[in-house]
Amino acid sequence: MTDTSRHEDWVEVFRTSTDYEADIVRDRLDDAGIPAVVFTQRDHVFNLNVGNLALVSVRVPARYAEAARRLLAETVDDETLRLAAEAADPGAPPAHDPETEARLDSGADHLGLDLPDDEEPPTD
């Protein structure tokens, strides 16, 4: 299986020009049990956030696309957000250790980062 074939059936369900907005959307999908990753083409060196230099998309496996779009079409009103904030425990310990949190944020669990089957590792 090639590297690209492991995620080539993932489809874009949300597009923005900011990483933080894409992260919020990805977290909302993950919380609903929909695997999601953020793909960014944003130029972080010059901090450009316009045009093709600022494309950030959230993608999900094709079989989840319809459910993801339905979820993202639902509005979350201020009252729901207020109740969720009041129910949250600011003193609660983190749900994950920092290493696990970084791995989950990266989406690495959902992407194949291994070499393609027909490629040998470099020998330096």
PDB file of N, CA and C in Angstrom:
ATOM      1  N   MET A   1       0.853  -1.181   0.000  1.00  0.00           N
ATOM      2  CA  MET A   1       0.000   0.000   0.000  1.00  0.00           C
ATOM      3  C   MET A   1       0.893   1.237   0.000  1.00  0.00           C
ATOM      4  N   THR A   2       0.672   2.142  -0.915  1.00  0.00           N
ATOM      5  CA  THR A   2       1.491   3.346  -0.972  1.00  0.00           C
ATOM      6  C   THR A   2       1.019   4.344   0.062  1.00  0.00           C
ATOM      7  N   ASP A   3       1.904   5.285   0.343  1.00  0.00           N
ATOM      8  CA  ASP A   3       1.606   6.297   1.349  1.00  0.00           C
ATOM      9  C   ASP A   3       0.337   7.066   1.005  1.00  0.00           C
ATOM     10  N   THR A   4       0.184   7.462  -0.265  1.00  0.00           N
ATOM     11  CA  THR A   4      -0.986   8.246  -0.641  1.00  0.00           C
ATOM     12  C   THR A   4      -2.256   7.425  -0.619  1.00  0.00           C
ATOM     13  N   SER A   5      -2.170   6.135  -0.919  1.00  0.00           N
ATOM     14  CA  SER A   5      -3.395   5.336  -0.959  1.00  0.00           C
ATOM     15  C   SER A   5      -4.009   5.153   0.420  1.00  0.00           C
ATOM     16  N   ARG A   6      -3.230   5.366   1.462  1.00  0.00           N
ATOM     17  CA  ARG A   6      -3.765   5.193   2.811  1.00  0.00           C
ATOM     18  C   ARG A   6      -4.734   6.309   3.192  1.00  0.00           C
ATOM     19  N   HIS A   7      -4.657   7.442   2.532  1.00  0.00           N
ATOM     20  CA  HIS A   7      -5.598   8.523   2.850  1.00  0.00           C
ATOM     21  C   HIS A   7      -6.176   9.201   1.614  1.00  0.00           C
ATOM     22  N   GLU A   8      -6.055   8.575   0.462  1.00  0.00           N
ATOM     23  CA  GLU A   8      -6.555   9.214  -0.755  1.00  0.00           C
ATOM     24  C   GLU A   8      -8.076   9.277  -0.801  1.00  0.00           C
ATOM     25  N   ASP A   9      -8.762   8.448  -0.019  1.00  0.00           N
ATOM     26  CA  ASP A   9     -10.224   8.501  -0.029  1.00  0.00           C
ATOM     27  C   ASP A   9     -10.772   9.480   1.009  1.00  0.00           C
ATOM     28  N   TRP A  10      -9.901  10.223   1.677  1.00  0.00           N
ATOM     29  CA  TRP A  10     -10.357  11.239   2.626  1.00  0.00           C
ATOM     30  C   TRP A  10     -10.840  12.448   1.832  1.00  0.00           C
ATOM     31  N   VAL A  11     -11.948  13.023   2.244  1.00  0.00           N
ATOM     32  CA  VAL A  11     -12.529  14.142   1.505  1.00  0.00           C
ATOM     33  C   VAL A  11     -12.628  15.382   2.390  1.00  0.00           C
ATOM     34  N   GLU A  12     -12.549  16.509   1.744  1.00  0.00           N
ATOM     35  CA  GLU A  12     -12.640  17.782   2.448  1.00  0.00           C
ATOM     36  C   GLU A  12     -14.081  18.050   2.856  1.00  0.00           C
ATOM     37  N   VAL A  13     -14.270  18.388   4.129  1.00  0.00           N
ATOM     38  CA  VAL A  13     -15.607  18.743   4.607  1.00  0.00           C
ATOM     39  C   VAL A  13     -15.651  20.173   5.140  1.00  0.00           C
ATOM     40  N   PHE A  14     -14.486  20.806   5.242  1.00  0.00           N
ATOM     41  CA  PHE A  14     -14.431  22.172   5.755  1.00  0.00           C
ATOM     42  C   PHE A  14     -13.149  22.816   5.247  1.00  0.00           C
ATOM     43  N   ARG A  15     -13.247  24.105   4.877  1.00  0.00           N
ATOM     44  CA  ARG A  15     -12.077  24.851   4.413  1.00  0.00           C
ATOM     45  C   ARG A  15     -12.064  26.218   5.078  1.00  0.00           C
ATOM     46  N   THR A  16     -10.874  26.658   5.452  1.00  0.00           N
ATOM     47  CA  THR A  16     -10.698  27.947   6.100  1.00  0.00           C
ATOM     48  C   THR A  16      -9.306  28.470   5.762  1.00  0.00           C
ATOM     49  N   SER A  17      -8.947  29.600   6.327  1.00  0.00           N
ATOM     50  CA  SER A  17      -7.591  30.117   6.137  1.00  0.00           C
ATOM     51  C   SER A  17      -6.832  30.181   7.458  1.00  0.00           C
ATOM     52  N   THR A  18      -7.424  29.634   8.526  1.00  0.00           N
ATOM     53  CA  THR A  18      -6.751  29.671   9.823  1.00  0.00           C
ATOM     54  C   THR A  18      -6.637  28.271  10.413  1.00  0.00           C
ATOM     55  N   ASP A  19      -5.485  27.993  10.994  1.00  0.00           N
ATOM     56  CA  ASP A  19      -5.257  26.695  11.622  1.00  0.00           C
ATOM     57  C   ASP A  19      -6.175  26.484  12.823  1.00  0.00           C
ATOM     58  N   TYR A  20      -6.347  27.537  13.631  1.00  0.00           N
ATOM     59  CA  TYR A  20      -7.127  27.358  14.854  1.00  0.00           C
ATOM     60  C   TYR A  20      -8.588  27.025  14.556  1.00  0.00           C
ATOM     61  N   GLU A  21      -9.148  27.611  13.510  1.00  0.00           N
ATOM     62  CA  GLU A  21     -10.532  27.302  13.157  1.00  0.00           C
ATOM     63  C   GLU A  21     -10.652  25.852  12.682  1.00  0.00           C
ATOM     64  N   ALA A  22      -9.688  25.418  11.887  1.00  0.00           N
ATOM     65  CA  ALA A  22      -9.683  24.024  11.432  1.00  0.00           C
ATOM     66  C   ALA A  22      -9.520  23.068  12.615  1.00  0.00           C
ATOM     67  N   ASP A  23      -8.692  23.440  13.592  1.00  0.00           N
ATOM     68  CA  ASP A  23      -8.511  22.595  14.780  1.00  0.00           C
ATOM     69  C   ASP A  23      -9.808  22.461  15.572  1.00  0.00           C
ATOM     70  N   ILE A  24     -10.562  23.543  15.683  1.00  0.00           N
ATOM     71  CA  ILE A  24     -11.842  23.495  16.396  1.00  0.00           C
ATOM     72  C   ILE A  24     -12.803  22.556  15.682  1.00  0.00           C
ATOM     73  N   VAL A  25     -12.863  22.658  14.360  1.00  0.00           N
ATOM     74  CA  VAL A  25     -13.747  21.790  13.574  1.00  0.00           C
ATOM     75  C   VAL A  25     -13.311  20.335  13.708  1.00  0.00           C
ATOM     76  N   ARG A  26     -12.009  20.102  13.591  1.00  0.00           N
ATOM     77  CA  ARG A  26     -11.502  18.735  13.741  1.00  0.00           C
ATOM     78  C   ARG A  26     -11.860  18.160  15.115  1.00  0.00           C
ATOM     79  N   ASP A  27     -11.694  18.955  16.166  1.00  0.00           N
ATOM     80  CA  ASP A  27     -12.036  18.489  17.512  1.00  0.00           C
ATOM     81  C   ASP A  27     -13.521  18.176  17.635  1.00  0.00           C
ATOM     82  N   ARG A  28     -14.357  18.997  17.014  1.00  0.00           N
ATOM     83  CA  ARG A  28     -15.807  18.746  17.069  1.00  0.00           C
ATOM     84  C   ARG A  28     -16.143  17.418  16.384  1.00  0.00           C
ATOM     85  N   LEU A  29     -15.518  17.167  15.250  1.00  0.00           N
ATOM     86  CA  LEU A  29     -15.741  15.902  14.548  1.00  0.00           C
ATOM     87  C   LEU A  29     -15.205  14.728  15.365  1.00  0.00           C
ATOM     88  N   ASP A  30     -14.001  14.869  15.904  1.00  0.00           N
ATOM     89  CA  ASP A  30     -13.426  13.803  16.730  1.00  0.00           C
ATOM     90  C   ASP A  30     -14.320  13.494  17.931  1.00  0.00           C
ATOM     91  N   ASP A  31     -14.845  14.535  18.569  1.00  0.00           N
ATOM     92  CA  ASP A  31     -15.739  14.340  19.720  1.00  0.00           C
ATOM     93  C   ASP A  31     -16.992  13.572  19.337  1.00  0.00           C
ATOM     94  N   ALA A  32     -17.404  13.688  18.072  1.00  0.00           N
ATOM     95  CA  ALA A  32     -18.592  12.977  17.593  1.00  0.00           C
ATOM     96  C   ALA A  32     -18.245  11.584  17.064  1.00  0.00           C
ATOM     97  N   GLY A  33     -16.982  11.188  17.202  1.00  0.00           N
ATOM     98  CA  GLY A  33     -16.578   9.863  16.746  1.00  0.00           C
ATOM     99  C   GLY A  33     -16.231   9.785  15.270  1.00  0.00           C
ATOM    100  N   ILE A  34     -16.046  10.937  14.646  1.00  0.00           N
ATOM    101  CA  ILE A  34     -15.695  10.982  13.223  1.00  0.00           C
ATOM    102  C   ILE A  34     -14.204  11.294  13.117  1.00  0.00           C
ATOM    103  N   PRO A  35     -13.408  10.357  12.596  1.00  0.00           N
ATOM    104  CA  PRO A  35     -11.979  10.641  12.464  1.00  0.00           C
ATOM    105  C   PRO A  35     -11.760  11.799  11.495  1.00  0.00           C
ATOM    106  N   ALA A  36     -10.894  12.720  11.868  1.00  0.00           N
ATOM    107  CA  ALA A  36     -10.657  13.899  11.040  1.00  0.00           C
ATOM    108  C   ALA A  36      -9.214  14.350  11.186  1.00  0.00           C
ATOM    109  N   VAL A  37      -8.684  14.921  10.126  1.00  0.00           N
ATOM    110  CA  VAL A  37      -7.338  15.483  10.148  1.00  0.00           C
ATOM    111  C   VAL A  37      -7.362  16.847   9.476  1.00  0.00           C
ATOM    112  N   VAL A  38      -6.392  17.665   9.844  1.00  0.00           N
ATOM    113  CA  VAL A  38      -6.234  18.985   9.248  1.00  0.00           C
ATOM    114  C   VAL A  38      -5.091  18.913   8.243  1.00  0.00           C
ATOM    115  N   PHE A  39      -5.364  19.336   7.022  1.00  0.00           N
ATOM    116  CA  PHE A  39      -4.339  19.466   5.989  1.00  0.00           C
ATOM    117  C   PHE A  39      -4.148  20.953   5.750  1.00  0.00           C
ATOM    118  N   THR A  40      -2.919  21.421   5.844  1.00  0.00           N
ATOM    119  CA  THR A  40      -2.692  22.843   5.665  1.00  0.00           C
ATOM    120  C   THR A  40      -1.709  23.111   4.534  1.00  0.00           C
ATOM    121  N   GLN A  41      -2.022  24.122   3.749  1.00  0.00           N
ATOM    122  CA  GLN A  41      -1.116  24.645   2.733  1.00  0.00           C
ATOM    123  C   GLN A  41      -0.723  26.067   3.116  1.00  0.00           C
ATOM    124  N   ARG A  42      -1.083  26.449   4.322  1.00  0.00           N
ATOM    125  CA  ARG A  42      -0.855  27.813   4.777  1.00  0.00           C
ATOM    126  C   ARG A  42       0.638  28.099   4.888  1.00  0.00           C
ATOM    127  N   ASP A  43       1.032  29.254   4.416  1.00  0.00           N
ATOM    128  CA  ASP A  43       2.423  29.671   4.502  1.00  0.00           C
ATOM    129  C   ASP A  43       2.673  30.214   5.899  1.00  0.00           C
ATOM    130  N   HIS A  44       3.320  29.424   6.739  1.00  0.00           N
ATOM    131  CA  HIS A  44       3.564  29.828   8.119  1.00  0.00           C
ATOM    132  C   HIS A  44       4.804  30.711   8.262  1.00  0.00           C
ATOM    133  N   VAL A  45       5.669  30.711   7.270  1.00  0.00           N
ATOM    134  CA  VAL A  45       6.879  31.521   7.343  1.00  0.00           C
ATOM    135  C   VAL A  45       6.534  33.005   7.283  1.00  0.00           C
ATOM    136  N   PHE A  46       5.701  33.371   6.326  1.00  0.00           N
ATOM    137  CA  PHE A  46       5.335  34.774   6.158  1.00  0.00           C
ATOM    138  C   PHE A  46       3.986  35.099   6.775  1.00  0.00           C
ATOM    139  N   ASN A  47       3.360  34.107   7.411  1.00  0.00           N
ATOM    140  CA  ASN A  47       2.065  34.274   8.065  1.00  0.00           C
ATOM    141  C   ASN A  47       1.019  34.861   7.119  1.00  0.00           C
ATOM    142  N   LEU A  48       1.011  34.351   5.898  1.00  0.00           N
ATOM    143  CA  LEU A  48       0.027  34.795   4.924  1.00  0.00           C
ATOM    144  C   LEU A  48      -1.281  34.063   5.156  1.00  0.00           C
ATOM    145  N   ASN A  49      -2.373  34.778   5.053  1.00  0.00           N
ATOM    146  CA  ASN A  49      -3.669  34.131   5.266  1.00  0.00           C
ATOM    147  C   ASN A  49      -4.690  34.524   4.202  1.00  0.00           C
ATOM    148  N   VAL A  50      -4.215  34.629   2.959  1.00  0.00           N
ATOM    149  CA  VAL A  50      -5.117  34.925   1.845  1.00  0.00           C
ATOM    150  C   VAL A  50      -4.799  34.010   0.670  1.00  0.00           C
ATOM    151  N   GLY A  51      -5.803  33.743  -0.131  1.00  0.00           N
ATOM    152  CA  GLY A  51      -5.611  32.987  -1.364  1.00  0.00           C
ATOM    153  C   GLY A  51      -5.111  31.571  -1.160  1.00  0.00           C
ATOM    154  N   ASN A  52      -4.453  31.055  -2.187  1.00  0.00           N
ATOM    155  CA  ASN A  52      -3.977  29.676  -2.167  1.00  0.00           C
ATOM    156  C   ASN A  52      -2.831  29.447  -1.197  1.00  0.00           C
ATOM    157  N   LEU A  53      -2.250  30.508  -0.662  1.00  0.00           N
ATOM    158  CA  LEU A  53      -1.185  30.356   0.324  1.00  0.00           C
ATOM    159  C   LEU A  53      -1.738  30.156   1.727  1.00  0.00           C
ATOM    160  N   ALA A  54      -3.051  30.098   1.844  1.00  0.00           N
ATOM    161  CA  ALA A  54      -3.648  29.991   3.167  1.00  0.00           C
ATOM    162  C   ALA A  54      -4.732  28.926   3.246  1.00  0.00           C
ATOM    163  N   LEU A  55      -4.670  27.923   2.389  1.00  0.00           N
ATOM    164  CA  LEU A  55      -5.706  26.897   2.412  1.00  0.00           C
ATOM    165  C   LEU A  55      -5.462  25.915   3.552  1.00  0.00           C
ATOM    166  N   VAL A  56      -6.453  25.803   4.411  1.00  0.00           N
ATOM    167  CA  VAL A  56      -6.426  24.833   5.500  1.00  0.00           C
ATOM    168  C   VAL A  56      -7.741  24.079   5.411  1.00  0.00           C
ATOM    169  N   SER A  57      -7.660  22.759   5.294  1.00  0.00           N
ATOM    170  CA  SER A  57      -8.894  21.993   5.169  1.00  0.00           C
ATOM    171  C   SER A  57      -8.956  20.907   6.228  1.00  0.00           C
ATOM    172  N   VAL A  58     -10.176  20.536   6.552  1.00  0.00           N
ATOM    173  CA  VAL A  58     -10.426  19.407   7.444  1.00  0.00           C
ATOM    174  C   VAL A  58     -10.970  18.299   6.568  1.00  0.00           C
ATOM    175  N   ARG A  59     -10.370  17.125   6.690  1.00  0.00           N
ATOM    176  CA  ARG A  59     -10.777  15.989   5.860  1.00  0.00           C
ATOM    177  C   ARG A  59     -11.141  14.802   6.734  1.00  0.00           C
ATOM    178  N   VAL A  60     -12.066  14.016   6.201  1.00  0.00           N
ATOM    179  CA  VAL A  60     -12.533  12.805   6.878  1.00  0.00           C
ATOM    180  C   VAL A  60     -12.557  11.667   5.862  1.00  0.00           C
ATOM    181  N   PRO A  61     -12.542  10.415   6.335  1.00  0.00           N
ATOM    182  CA  PRO A  61     -12.706   9.315   5.386  1.00  0.00           C
ATOM    183  C   PRO A  61     -14.025   9.482   4.635  1.00  0.00           C
ATOM    184  N   ALA A  62     -14.043   9.101   3.371  1.00  0.00           N
ATOM    185  CA  ALA A  62     -15.216   9.315   2.515  1.00  0.00           C
ATOM    186  C   ALA A  62     -16.495   8.770   3.135  1.00  0.00           C
ATOM    187  N   ARG A  63     -16.415   7.648   3.827  1.00  0.00           N
ATOM    188  CA  ARG A  63     -17.630   7.047   4.395  1.00  0.00           C
ATOM    189  C   ARG A  63     -18.231   7.896   5.520  1.00  0.00           C
ATOM    190  N   TYR A  64     -17.454   8.856   6.069  1.00  0.00           N
ATOM    191  CA  TYR A  64     -17.949   9.730   7.129  1.00  0.00           C
ATOM    192  C   TYR A  64     -18.345  11.116   6.617  1.00  0.00           C
ATOM    193  N   ALA A  65     -18.137  11.384   5.343  1.00  0.00           N
ATOM    194  CA  ALA A  65     -18.306  12.740   4.819  1.00  0.00           C
ATOM    195  C   ALA A  65     -19.710  13.284   5.031  1.00  0.00           C
ATOM    196  N   GLU A  66     -20.718  12.496   4.727  1.00  0.00           N
ATOM    197  CA  GLU A  66     -22.092  12.979   4.872  1.00  0.00           C
ATOM    198  C   GLU A  66     -22.417  13.287   6.334  1.00  0.00           C
ATOM    199  N   ALA A  67     -22.039  12.399   7.233  1.00  0.00           N
ATOM    200  CA  ALA A  67     -22.291  12.622   8.663  1.00  0.00           C
ATOM    201  C   ALA A  67     -21.529  13.847   9.157  1.00  0.00           C
ATOM    202  N   ALA A  68     -20.306  14.029   8.683  1.00  0.00           N
ATOM    203  CA  ALA A  68     -19.511  15.186   9.091  1.00  0.00           C
ATOM    204  C   ALA A  68     -20.156  16.482   8.619  1.00  0.00           C
ATOM    205  N   ARG A  69     -20.608  16.505   7.386  1.00  0.00           N
ATOM    206  CA  ARG A  69     -21.248  17.722   6.857  1.00  0.00           C
ATOM    207  C   ARG A  69     -22.541  18.039   7.602  1.00  0.00           C
ATOM    208  N   ARG A  70     -23.304  16.992   7.936  1.00  0.00           N
ATOM    209  CA  ARG A  70     -24.534  17.214   8.718  1.00  0.00           C
ATOM    210  C   ARG A  70     -24.197  17.808  10.085  1.00  0.00           C
ATOM    211  N   LEU A  71     -23.197  17.240  10.748  1.00  0.00           N
ATOM    212  CA  LEU A  71     -22.806  17.734  12.065  1.00  0.00           C
ATOM    213  C   LEU A  71     -22.352  19.187  11.985  1.00  0.00           C
ATOM    214  N   LEU A  72     -21.546  19.509  10.988  1.00  0.00           N
ATOM    215  CA  LEU A  72     -21.033  20.872  10.866  1.00  0.00           C
ATOM    216  C   LEU A  72     -22.110  21.865  10.448  1.00  0.00           C
ATOM    217  N   ALA A  73     -23.186  21.379   9.855  1.00  0.00           N
ATOM    218  CA  ALA A  73     -24.291  22.261   9.472  1.00  0.00           C
ATOM    219  C   ALA A  73     -25.153  22.629  10.677  1.00  0.00           C
ATOM    220  N   GLU A  74     -25.054  21.836  11.750  1.00  0.00           N
ATOM    221  CA  GLU A  74     -25.825  22.136  12.959  1.00  0.00           C
ATOM    222  C   GLU A  74     -25.219  23.351  13.650  1.00  0.00           C
ATOM    223  N   THR A  75     -26.070  24.271  14.033  1.00  0.00           N
ATOM    224  CA  THR A  75     -25.569  25.427  14.766  1.00  0.00           C
ATOM    225  C   THR A  75     -25.530  25.106  16.254  1.00  0.00           C
ATOM    226  N   VAL A  76     -24.566  25.679  16.908  1.00  0.00           N
ATOM    227  CA  VAL A  76     -24.456  25.557  18.355  1.00  0.00           C
ATOM    228  C   VAL A  76     -24.744  26.946  18.901  1.00  0.00           C
ATOM    229  N   ASP A  77     -25.864  27.064  19.605  1.00  0.00           N
ATOM    230  CA  ASP A  77     -26.254  28.391  20.077  1.00  0.00           C
ATOM    231  C   ASP A  77     -25.493  28.782  21.345  1.00  0.00           C
ATOM    232  N   ASP A  78     -25.606  30.053  21.683  1.00  0.00           N
ATOM    233  CA  ASP A  78     -24.889  30.590  22.838  1.00  0.00           C
ATOM    234  C   ASP A  78     -25.272  29.885  24.135  1.00  0.00           C
ATOM    235  N   GLU A  79     -26.540  29.536  24.276  1.00  0.00           N
ATOM    236  CA  GLU A  79     -26.989  28.876  25.501  1.00  0.00           C
ATOM    237  C   GLU A  79     -26.330  27.504  25.654  1.00  0.00           C
ATOM    238  N   THR A  80     -26.235  26.757  24.577  1.00  0.00           N
ATOM    239  CA  THR A  80     -25.578  25.447  24.621  1.00  0.00           C
ATOM    240  C   THR A  80     -24.109  25.604  24.995  1.00  0.00           C
ATOM    241  N   LEU A  81     -23.458  26.599  24.408  1.00  0.00           N
ATOM    242  CA  LEU A  81     -22.054  26.848  24.735  1.00  0.00           C
ATOM    243  C   LEU A  81     -21.892  27.276  26.189  1.00  0.00           C
ATOM    244  N   ARG A  82     -22.799  28.118  26.667  1.00  0.00           N
ATOM    245  CA  ARG A  82     -22.734  28.573  28.060  1.00  0.00           C
ATOM    246  C   ARG A  82     -22.875  27.398  29.014  1.00  0.00           C
ATOM    247  N   LEU A  83     -23.853  26.526  28.747  1.00  0.00           N
ATOM    248  CA  LEU A  83     -24.073  25.366  29.612  1.00  0.00           C
ATOM    249  C   LEU A  83     -22.865  24.427  29.596  1.00  0.00           C
ATOM    250  N   ALA A  84     -22.278  24.237  28.436  1.00  0.00           N
ATOM    251  CA  ALA A  84     -21.094  23.376  28.344  1.00  0.00           C
ATOM    252  C   ALA A  84     -19.926  23.979  29.118  1.00  0.00           C
ATOM    253  N   ALA A  85     -19.762  25.294  29.009  1.00  0.00           N
ATOM    254  CA  ALA A  85     -18.674  25.958  29.726  1.00  0.00           C
ATOM    255  C   ALA A  85     -18.884  25.877  31.235  1.00  0.00           C
ATOM    256  N   GLU A  86     -20.122  26.055  31.682  1.00  0.00           N
ATOM    257  CA  GLU A  86     -20.407  25.983  33.112  1.00  0.00           C
ATOM    258  C   GLU A  86     -20.242  24.568  33.654  1.00  0.00           C
ATOM    259  N   ALA A  87     -20.502  23.569  32.812  1.00  0.00           N
ATOM    260  CA  ALA A  87     -20.379  22.180  33.250  1.00  0.00           C
ATOM    261  C   ALA A  87     -18.923  21.707  33.249  1.00  0.00           C
ATOM    262  N   ALA A  88     -18.070  22.403  32.540  1.00  0.00           N
ATOM    263  CA  ALA A  88     -16.666  22.001  32.461  1.00  0.00           C
ATOM    264  C   ALA A  88     -15.973  22.255  33.791  1.00  0.00           C
ATOM    265  N   ASP A  89     -15.053  21.399  34.123  1.00  0.00           N
ATOM    266  CA  ASP A  89     -14.295  21.530  35.363  1.00  0.00           C
ATOM    267  C   ASP A  89     -12.896  22.038  35.032  1.00  0.00           C
ATOM    268  N   PRO A  90     -12.627  23.329  35.276  1.00  0.00           N
ATOM    269  CA  PRO A  90     -11.308  23.863  34.924  1.00  0.00           C
ATOM    270  C   PRO A  90     -10.182  23.225  35.729  1.00  0.00           C
ATOM    271  N   GLY A  91     -10.517  22.610  36.859  1.00  0.00           N
ATOM    272  CA  GLY A  91      -9.492  21.969  37.678  1.00  0.00           C
ATOM    273  C   GLY A  91      -9.269  20.508  37.338  1.00  0.00           C
ATOM    274  N   ALA A  92     -10.018  20.006  36.360  1.00  0.00           N
ATOM    275  CA  ALA A  92      -9.884  18.592  35.996  1.00  0.00           C
ATOM    276  C   ALA A  92      -8.514  18.341  35.367  1.00  0.00           C
ATOM    277  N   PRO A  93      -7.962  17.165  35.615  1.00  0.00           N
ATOM    278  CA  PRO A  93      -6.672  16.856  34.986  1.00  0.00           C
ATOM    279  C   PRO A  93      -6.851  16.718  33.475  1.00  0.00           C
ATOM    280  N   PRO A  94      -5.793  16.919  32.721  1.00  0.00           N
ATOM    281  CA  PRO A  94      -5.889  16.759  31.268  1.00  0.00           C
ATOM    282  C   PRO A  94      -6.362  15.351  30.907  1.00  0.00           C
ATOM    283  N   ALA A  95      -7.088  15.248  29.818  1.00  0.00           N
ATOM    284  CA  ALA A  95      -7.596  13.948  29.381  1.00  0.00           C
ATOM    285  C   ALA A  95      -6.467  13.038  28.902  1.00  0.00           C
ATOM    286  N   HIS A  96      -5.371  13.641  28.409  1.00  0.00           N
ATOM    287  CA  HIS A  96      -4.256  12.858  27.872  1.00  0.00           C
ATOM    288  C   HIS A  96      -2.941  13.469  28.329  1.00  0.00           C
ATOM    289  N   ASP A  97      -1.906  12.641  28.376  1.00  0.00           N
ATOM    290  CA  ASP A  97      -0.573  13.172  28.650  1.00  0.00           C
ATOM    291  C   ASP A  97      -0.135  13.991  27.428  1.00  0.00           C
ATOM    292  N   PRO A  98       0.858  14.882  27.591  1.00  0.00           N
ATOM    293  CA  PRO A  98       1.253  15.762  26.478  1.00  0.00           C
ATOM    294  C   PRO A  98       1.642  15.021  25.198  1.00  0.00           C
ATOM    295  N   GLU A  99       2.324  13.884  25.321  1.00  0.00           N
ATOM    296  CA  GLU A  99       2.734  13.144  24.123  1.00  0.00           C
ATOM    297  C   GLU A  99       1.523  12.599  23.369  1.00  0.00           C
ATOM    298  N   THR A 100       0.563  12.048  24.097  1.00  0.00           N
ATOM    299  CA  THR A 100      -0.653  11.526  23.468  1.00  0.00           C
ATOM    300  C   THR A 100      -1.454  12.662  22.848  1.00  0.00           C
ATOM    301  N   GLU A 101      -1.546  13.778  23.556  1.00  0.00           N
ATOM    302  CA  GLU A 101      -2.280  14.938  23.044  1.00  0.00           C
ATOM    303  C   GLU A 101      -1.672  15.425  21.730  1.00  0.00           C
ATOM    304  N   ALA A 102      -0.344  15.493  21.671  1.00  0.00           N
ATOM    305  CA  ALA A 102       0.327  15.932  20.442  1.00  0.00           C
ATOM    306  C   ALA A 102       0.062  14.951  19.304  1.00  0.00           C
ATOM    307  N   ARG A 103       0.090  13.650  19.604  1.00  0.00           N
ATOM    308  CA  ARG A 103      -0.171  12.644  18.573  1.00  0.00           C
ATOM    309  C   ARG A 103      -1.596  12.767  18.056  1.00  0.00           C
ATOM    310  N   LEU A 104      -2.553  12.943  18.964  1.00  0.00           N
ATOM    311  CA  LEU A 104      -3.946  13.082  18.551  1.00  0.00           C
ATOM    312  C   LEU A 104      -4.149  14.346  17.724  1.00  0.00           C
ATOM    313  N   ASP A 105      -3.518  15.439  18.140  1.00  0.00           N
ATOM    314  CA  ASP A 105      -3.636  16.692  17.393  1.00  0.00           C
ATOM    315  C   ASP A 105      -3.032  16.584  16.000  1.00  0.00           C
ATOM    316  N   SER A 106      -1.987  15.789  15.856  1.00  0.00           N
ATOM    317  CA  SER A 106      -1.303  15.699  14.564  1.00  0.00           C
ATOM    318  C   SER A 106      -2.089  14.911  13.527  1.00  0.00           C
ATOM    319  N   GLY A 107      -2.974  14.028  13.984  1.00  0.00           N
ATOM    320  CA  GLY A 107      -3.696  13.175  13.052  1.00  0.00           C
ATOM    321  C   GLY A 107      -2.872  12.000  12.566  1.00  0.00           C
ATOM    322  N   ALA A 108      -1.693  11.793  13.155  1.00  0.00           N
ATOM    323  CA  ALA A 108      -0.790  10.735  12.695  1.00  0.00           C
ATOM    324  C   ALA A 108      -1.423   9.353  12.771  1.00  0.00           C
ATOM    325  N   ASP A 109      -2.354   9.150  13.682  1.00  0.00           N
ATOM    326  CA  ASP A 109      -3.011   7.843  13.788  1.00  0.00           C
ATOM    327  C   ASP A 109      -3.854   7.533  12.559  1.00  0.00           C
ATOM    328  N   HIS A 110      -4.241   8.569  11.834  1.00  0.00           N
ATOM    329  CA  HIS A 110      -5.124   8.385  10.691  1.00  0.00           C
ATOM    330  C   HIS A 110      -4.395   8.406   9.351  1.00  0.00           C
ATOM    331  N   LEU A 111      -3.125   8.738   9.372  1.00  0.00           N
ATOM    332  CA  LEU A 111      -2.369   8.853   8.127  1.00  0.00           C
ATOM    333  C   LEU A 111      -1.258   7.827   8.088  1.00  0.00           C
ATOM    334  N   GLY A 112      -1.018   7.295   6.921  1.00  0.00           N
ATOM    335  CA  GLY A 112       0.092   6.366   6.754  1.00  0.00           C
ATOM    336  C   GLY A 112       1.371   7.136   6.522  1.00  0.00           C
ATOM    337  N   LEU A 113       2.268   7.091   7.469  1.00  0.00           N
ATOM    338  CA  LEU A 113       3.531   7.796   7.321  1.00  0.00           C
ATOM    339  C   LEU A 113       4.673   6.829   7.035  1.00  0.00           C
ATOM    340  N   ASP A 114       4.328   5.563   6.796  1.00  0.00           N
ATOM    341  CA  ASP A 114       5.331   4.562   6.471  1.00  0.00           C
ATOM    342  C   ASP A 114       5.753   4.701   5.012  1.00  0.00           C
ATOM    343  N   LEU A 115       6.912   4.128   4.709  1.00  0.00           N
ATOM    344  CA  LEU A 115       7.361   4.103   3.320  1.00  0.00           C
ATOM    345  C   LEU A 115       6.430   3.233   2.496  1.00  0.00           C
ATOM    346  N   PRO A 116       6.231   3.572   1.234  1.00  0.00           N
ATOM    347  CA  PRO A 116       5.459   2.679   0.362  1.00  0.00           C
ATOM    348  C   PRO A 116       6.131   1.309   0.315  1.00  0.00           C
ATOM    349  N   ASP A 117       5.344   0.279   0.059  1.00  0.00           N
ATOM    350  CA  ASP A 117       5.861  -1.090   0.045  1.00  0.00           C
ATOM    351  C   ASP A 117       7.002  -1.291  -0.937  1.00  0.00           C
ATOM    352  N   ASP A 118       6.993  -0.552  -2.030  1.00  0.00           N
ATOM    353  CA  ASP A 118       8.004  -0.759  -3.065  1.00  0.00           C
ATOM    354  C   ASP A 118       9.225   0.146  -2.908  1.00  0.00           C
ATOM    355  N   GLU A 119       9.351   0.824  -1.774  1.00  0.00           N
ATOM    356  CA  GLU A 119      10.468   1.742  -1.577  1.00  0.00           C
ATOM    357  C   GLU A 119      11.300   1.298  -0.383  1.00  0.00           C
ATOM    358  N   GLU A 120      12.603   1.289  -0.575  1.00  0.00           N
ATOM    359  CA  GLU A 120      13.525   0.903   0.487  1.00  0.00           C
ATOM    360  C   GLU A 120      13.941   2.147   1.268  1.00  0.00           C
ATOM    361  N   PRO A 121      14.199   2.003   2.565  1.00  0.00           N
ATOM    362  CA  PRO A 121      14.676   3.158   3.332  1.00  0.00           C
ATOM    363  C   PRO A 121      16.071   3.571   2.866  1.00  0.00           C
ATOM    364  N   PRO A 122      16.401   4.851   3.000  1.00  0.00           N
ATOM    365  CA  PRO A 122      17.728   5.315   2.578  1.00  0.00           C
ATOM    366  C   PRO A 122      18.817   4.680   3.442  1.00  0.00           C
ATOM    367  N   THR A 123      19.955   4.435   2.844  1.00  0.00           N
ATOM    368  CA  THR A 123      21.101   3.886   3.576  1.00  0.00           C
ATOM    369  C   THR A 123      22.245   4.873   3.465  1.00  0.00           C
ATOM    370  N   ASP A 124      22.394   5.682   4.464  1.00  0.00           N
ATOM    371  CA  ASP A 124      23.463   6.699   4.476  1.00  0.00           C
ATOM    372  C   ASP A 124      24.623   6.230   5.301  1.00  0.00           C
TER     373      ASP A 124
END
